[in-house]
Structure formats: structure tokens, C-alpha cells
C-alpha atoms as a PDB file:
ATOM      1  CA  UNK A   1      -0.051  -0.156  -0.181  1.00  0.00           C
ATOM      2  CA  UNK A   2       2.571   2.514   0.603  1.00  0.00           C
ATOM      3  CA  UNK A   3       6.943   2.029   0.477  1.00  0.00           C
ATOM      4  CA  UNK A   4       7.787   5.484   1.767  1.00  0.00           C
ATOM      5  CA  UNK A   5      11.875   6.642   3.000  1.00  0.00           C
ATOM      6  CA  UNK A   6      11.476   8.770   6.180  1.00  0.00           C
ATOM      7  CA  UNK A   7      13.012   9.145   9.805  1.00  0.00           C
ATOM      8  CA  UNK A   8      11.597   8.983  13.573  1.00  0.00           C
ATOM      9  CA  UNK A   9      10.478  12.400  14.728  1.00  0.00           C
ATOM     10  CA  UNK A  10       9.660  12.029  18.649  1.00  0.00           C
ATOM     11  CA  UNK A  11      12.735  12.666  21.131  1.00  0.00           C
ATOM     12  CA  UNK A  12      13.811   9.451  22.271  1.00  0.00           C
ATOM     13  CA  UNK A  13      13.061   7.147  18.836  1.00  0.00           C
ATOM     14  CA  UNK A  14      14.972   9.914  17.030  1.00  0.00           C
ATOM     15  CA  UNK A  15      18.125   9.772  19.425  1.00  0.00           C
ATOM     16  CA  UNK A  16      17.789   6.113  19.610  1.00  0.00           C
ATOM     17  CA  UNK A  17      17.951   5.676  15.580  1.00  0.00           C
ATOM     18  CA  UNK A  18      19.169   9.111  13.711  1.00  0.00           C
ATOM     19  CA  UNK A  19      19.235   7.435  10.336  1.00  0.00           C
ATOM     20  CA  UNK A  20      16.602   7.219   7.834  1.00  0.00           C
ATOM     21  CA  UNK A  21      14.141   4.313   7.461  1.00  0.00           C
ATOM     22  CA  UNK A  22      12.186   2.830   5.212  1.00  0.00           C
ATOM     23  CA  UNK A  23       8.146   2.838   6.155  1.00  0.00           C
ATOM     24  CA  UNK A  24       6.523  -0.117   4.421  1.00  0.00           C
ATOM     25  CA  UNK A  25       2.609  -0.615   4.986  1.00  0.00           C
ATOM     26  CA  UNK A  26       1.079  -3.906   3.680  1.00  0.00           C
ATOM     27  CA  UNK A  27      -2.033  -5.440   3.297  1.00  0.00           C
ATOM     28  CA  UNK A  28      -2.723  -9.124   3.677  1.00  0.00           C
ATOM     29  CA  UNK A  29      -5.716  -9.902   1.641  1.00  0.00           C
ATOM     30  CA  UNK A  30      -5.987 -13.547   3.306  1.00  0.00           C
ATOM     31  CA  UNK A  31      -5.966 -12.372   6.507  1.00  0.00           C
ATOM     32  CA  UNK A  32      -8.035  -9.089   6.084  1.00  0.00           C
ATOM     33  CA  UNK A  33      -5.430  -6.934   8.170  1.00  0.00           C
ATOM     34  CA  UNK A  34      -2.400  -4.403   7.360  1.00  0.00           C
ATOM     35  CA  UNK A  35       0.908  -4.264   8.754  1.00  0.00           C
ATOM     36  CA  UNK A  36       3.244  -1.721   9.037  1.00  0.00           C
ATOM     37  CA  UNK A  37       7.330  -2.523   9.076  1.00  0.00           C
ATOM     38  CA  UNK A  38      10.377   0.183   9.519  1.00  0.00           C
ATOM     39  CA  UNK A  39      13.431  -1.685   7.760  1.00  0.00           C
ATOM     40  CA  UNK A  40      16.834   0.250   7.071  1.00  0.00           C
ATOM     41  CA  UNK A  41      17.262  -2.353   3.927  1.00  0.00           C
ATOM     42  CA  UNK A  42      16.214  -0.285   0.935  1.00  0.00           C
ATOM     43  CA  UNK A  43      17.425  -2.909  -1.365  1.00  0.00           C
ATOM     44  CA  UNK A  44      14.547  -5.694  -1.457  1.00  0.00           C
ATOM     45  CA  UNK A  45      11.186  -4.839  -2.722  1.00  0.00           C
ATOM     46  CA  UNK A  46       8.221  -4.289  -0.475  1.00  0.00           C
ATOM     47  CA  UNK A  47       6.284  -7.031  -1.003  1.00  0.00           C
ATOM     48  CA  UNK A  48       9.371  -9.252  -0.028  1.00  0.00           C
ATOM     49  CA  UNK A  49      10.249  -7.294   3.343  1.00  0.00           C
ATOM     50  CA  UNK A  50       6.412  -8.031   4.193  1.00  0.00           C
ATOM     51  CA  UNK A  51       7.166 -11.751   3.092  1.00  0.00           C
ATOM     52  CA  UNK A  52      10.090 -11.878   5.383  1.00  0.00           C
ATOM     53  CA  UNK A  53       8.535 -11.271   8.393  1.00  0.00           C
ATOM     54  CA  UNK A  54       5.900 -13.151   7.941  1.00  0.00           C
ATOM     55  CA  UNK A  55       8.206 -16.112   7.523  1.00  0.00           C
ATOM     56  CA  UNK A  56       9.971 -14.951  10.532  1.00  0.00           C
ATOM     57  CA  UNK A  57       6.831 -14.670  12.739  1.00  0.00           C
ATOM     58  CA  UNK A  58       6.293 -18.569  11.443  1.00  0.00           C
ATOM     59  CA  UNK A  59       9.532 -19.417  12.912  1.00  0.00           C
ATOM     60  CA  UNK A  60       8.288 -17.217  15.965  1.00  0.00           C
ATOM     61  CA  UNK A  61       5.393 -19.487  16.506  1.00  0.00           C
ATOM     62  CA  UNK A  62       7.352 -22.950  15.623  1.00  0.00           C
ATOM     63  CA  UNK A  63       9.747 -22.043  18.784  1.00  0.00           C
ATOM     64  CA  UNK A  64       6.482 -21.297  20.713  1.00  0.00           C
ATOM     65  CA  UNK A  65       4.872 -24.036  20.035  1.00  0.00           C
ATOM     66  CA  UNK A  66       8.162 -26.013  20.460  1.00  0.00           C
ATOM     67  CA  UNK A  67       8.250 -24.597  24.071  1.00  0.00           C
ATOM     68  CA  UNK A  68       4.933 -25.610  24.828  1.00  0.00           C
ATOM     69  CA  UNK A  69       4.686 -28.880  23.494  1.00  0.00           C
ATOM     70  CA  UNK A  70       8.136 -30.134  23.428  1.00  0.00           C
ATOM     71  CA  UNK A  71       9.427 -28.896  26.547  1.00  0.00           C
ATOM     72  CA  UNK A  72      12.384 -27.471  25.510  1.00  0.00           C
ATOM     73  CA  UNK A  73      13.087 -24.460  27.548  1.00  0.00           C
ATOM     74  CA  UNK A  74      16.859 -23.675  26.973  1.00  0.00           C
ATOM     75  CA  UNK A  75      19.060 -25.126  24.451  1.00  0.00           C
ATOM     76  CA  UNK A  76      21.918 -27.175  25.914  1.00  0.00           C
ATOM     77  CA  UNK A  77      24.227 -27.027  22.833  1.00  0.00           C
ATOM     78  CA  UNK A  78      25.183 -23.961  21.336  1.00  0.00           C
ATOM     79  CA  UNK A  79      26.056 -25.437  18.039  1.00  0.00           C
ATOM     80  CA  UNK A  80      23.152 -26.144  15.294  1.00  0.00           C
ATOM     81  CA  UNK A  81      23.879 -29.565  15.355  1.00  0.00           C
ATOM     82  CA  UNK A  82      23.251 -29.947  19.177  1.00  0.00           C
ATOM     83  CA  UNK A  83      20.434 -27.274  18.653  1.00  0.00           C
ATOM     84  CA  UNK A  84      19.270 -29.961  15.465  1.00  0.00           C
ATOM     85  CA  UNK A  85      19.259 -33.159  18.104  1.00  0.00           C
ATOM     86  CA  UNK A  86      17.777 -31.599  20.941  1.00  0.00           C
ATOM     87  CA  UNK A  87      14.882 -30.754  18.342  1.00  0.00           C
ATOM     88  CA  UNK A  88      14.737 -34.353  16.663  1.00  0.00           C
ATOM     89  CA  UNK A  89      15.244 -35.753  20.135  1.00  0.00           C
ATOM     90  CA  UNK A  90      12.009 -33.694  21.199  1.00  0.00           C
ATOM     91  CA  UNK A  91      10.206 -34.379  18.400  1.00  0.00           C
ATOM     92  CA  UNK A  92      10.429 -38.068  18.082  1.00  0.00           C
ATOM     93  CA  UNK A  93       9.801 -38.257  22.126  1.00  0.00           C
ATOM     94  CA  UNK A  94       6.725 -35.899  21.113  1.00  0.00           C
ATOM     95  CA  UNK A  95       5.374 -38.268  18.508  1.00  0.00           C
ATOM     96  CA  UNK A  96       6.252 -41.379  20.490  1.00  0.00           C
ATOM     97  CA  UNK A  97       3.929 -40.490  23.199  1.00  0.00           C
ATOM     98  CA  UNK A  98       1.259 -39.511  20.411  1.00  0.00           C
ATOM     99  CA  UNK A  99       1.489 -42.924  19.479  1.00  0.00           C
ATOM    100  CA  UNK A 100       1.350 -44.233  23.027  1.00  0.00           C
ATOM    101  CA  UNK A 101      -2.008 -41.719  23.690  1.00  0.00           C
ATOM    102  CA  UNK A 102      -3.487 -43.377  20.259  1.00  0.00           C
ATOM    103  CA  UNK A 103      -3.103 -47.062  20.898  1.00  0.00           C
ATOM    104  CA  UNK A 104      -4.152 -46.830  24.927  1.00  0.00           C
ATOM    105  CA  UNK A 105      -7.000 -44.919  23.569  1.00  0.00           C
ATOM    106  CA  UNK A 106      -6.624 -42.668  26.816  1.00  0.00           C
ATOM    107  CA  UNK A 107      -8.259 -40.032  25.376  1.00  0.00           C
ATOM    108  CA  UNK A 108      -5.888 -37.386  27.284  1.00  0.00           C
ATOM    109  CA  UNK A 109      -3.839 -34.503  25.636  1.00  0.00           C
ATOM    110  CA  UNK A 110      -0.618 -35.906  24.509  1.00  0.00           C
ATOM    111  CA  UNK A 111       1.034 -32.828  26.639  1.00  0.00           C
ATOM    112  CA  UNK A 112      -0.822 -34.719  30.049  1.00  0.00           C
ATOM    113  CA  UNK A 113       0.502 -37.682  28.936  1.00  0.00           C
ATOM    114  CA  UNK A 114       3.760 -36.339  28.316  1.00  0.00           C
ATOM    115  CA  UNK A 115       3.675 -34.632  31.897  1.00  0.00           C
ATOM    116  CA  UNK A 116       2.965 -38.204  33.743  1.00  0.00           C
ATOM    117  CA  UNK A 117       5.481 -39.701  32.464  1.00  0.00           C
ATOM    118  CA  UNK A 118       7.701 -37.472  32.913  1.00  0.00           C
ATOM    119  CA  UNK A 119       6.836 -37.193  36.718  1.00  0.00           C
ATOM    120  CA  UNK A 120       6.926 -40.963  37.220  1.00  0.00           C
ATOM    121  CA  UNK A 121      10.214 -41.686  34.896  1.00  0.00           C
ATOM    122  CA  UNK A 122      11.670 -43.775  38.364  1.00  0.00           C
ATOM    123  CA  UNK A 123       8.332 -45.736  39.129  1.00  0.00           C
ATOM    124  CA  UNK A 124       8.077 -49.279  38.476  1.00  0.00           C
ATOM    125  CA  UNK A 125       4.082 -49.301  37.945  1.00  0.00           C
ATOM    126  CA  UNK A 126       3.304 -50.450  34.399  1.00  0.00           C
ATOM    127  CA  UNK A 127       2.183 -47.861  32.022  1.00  0.00           C
ATOM    128  CA  UNK A 128      -0.956 -48.489  31.792  1.00  0.00           C
ATOM    129  CA  UNK A 129      -1.595 -47.962  35.691  1.00  0.00           C
ATOM    130  CA  UNK A 130      -0.009 -44.903  35.613  1.00  0.00           C
ATOM    131  CA  UNK A 131      -2.094 -43.231  32.716  1.00  0.00           C
ATOM    132  CA  UNK A 132      -5.168 -45.387  33.705  1.00  0.00           C
ATOM    133  CA  UNK A 133      -7.423 -42.448  34.773  1.00  0.00           C
ATOM    134  CA  UNK A 134      -7.812 -41.118  38.870  1.00  0.00           C
ATOM    135  CA  UNK A 135     -10.807 -42.368  40.936  1.00  0.00           C
ATOM    136  CA  UNK A 136     -12.432 -39.242  42.030  1.00  0.00           C
ATOM    137  CA  UNK A 137     -12.977 -38.453  45.763  1.00  0.00           C
ATOM    138  CA  UNK A 138     -16.448 -38.131  44.876  1.00  0.00           C
ATOM    139  CA  UNK A 139     -16.816 -41.328  43.081  1.00  0.00           C
ATOM    140  CA  UNK A 140     -15.196 -43.236  46.608  1.00  0.00           C
ATOM    141  CA  UNK A 141     -17.872 -41.588  48.574  1.00  0.00           C
ATOM    142  CA  UNK A 142     -20.575 -42.780  46.593  1.00  0.00           C
ATOM    143  CA  UNK A 143     -18.968 -46.077  46.147  1.00  0.00           C
ATOM    144  CA  UNK A 144     -19.095 -46.231  50.455  1.00  0.00           C
ATOM    145  CA  UNK A 145     -22.401 -44.937  50.988  1.00  0.00           C
ATOM    146  CA  UNK A 146     -23.654 -48.033  48.055  1.00  0.00           C
ATOM    147  CA  UNK A 147     -21.704 -50.492  50.775  1.00  0.00           C
ATOM    148  CA  UNK A 148     -23.165 -48.222  53.968  1.00  0.00           C
ATOM    149  CA  UNK A 149     -18.766 -48.048  54.941  1.00  0.00           C
ATOM    150  CA  UNK A 150     -17.891 -44.936  56.871  1.00  0.00           C
ATOM    151  CA  UNK A 151     -14.783 -43.264  56.278  1.00  0.00           C
ATOM    152  CA  UNK A 152     -13.044 -42.465  59.523  1.00  0.00           C
END
């Protein structure tokens, strides 16, 4: 929609970033939204800068999903290979737990099954027992009433 050079005029912004910038206003018809980008890149076309920012956002969403579902909060290594290995191991673990959830027909979210398994790594109980639905307190009380049993 717009591609114009300019400068920040506010006191703080003009001091922090005094060089000329490029203001790009882009309308995404599939989202029905308008986005404004400020960049110091005067070489790429406006649509390419908008596309790069969209891809950057997709990468951010991917890492947010990794943090939430694969429980990767920090990377153990700094090399590209170390990060790749850690992400691959996390994805494989997630897939294996999803297969377990599907095959055992647990009806629980994969993240909940992962939490249960992660908290019971040193327990020797069978997996089916660990993942079996817990009996609620009111169910126990209903059973006790049925059997005329009183809890102390």
C-alpha cells in the first residue's frame, strides 16, 4: 500500500535511531489486516520484506510451540548440530507419546501424558496403571455410601 523513506521524529526514537528508514505498509488479503514495517533495508522490494517478516513470525510460532509442547525451554548446546539433535529428540519423544496415547485410547491430551510419564520416570508401575484415569473423591464416597461404609 505504501513504501516511503522517512525518519523518526520523536525525541527518544530520533536519538536512538537517527538514520533514514523505510516505512512499508502492507495489506494481507488472506488475513484481512494491514501491517506496518520499519526497516533500514532499501534494497529489497516491499513485498519481499513483508514476506520475510511473515516467515519470521512463522519461525517464532514454531519455537513457541516447541517450548509449550516439547518442553524445550533452553538449548543444551550452542552449535547448529546440537540444537538440531535436541529438537529432533524432542519431536521423536512427542510422536512416541502420541502413539502411546492413540494405541492405549487414553483420551487425554499428549501434553498431559508427557507430564505423567515425565513425573514418573523412576516408578516401576506399568504404563497402563500410570495412565489409568484416577478415581475422584466423590466417586469413592458414592461407593462407600452404596456399601454402607464410613470413612474415619
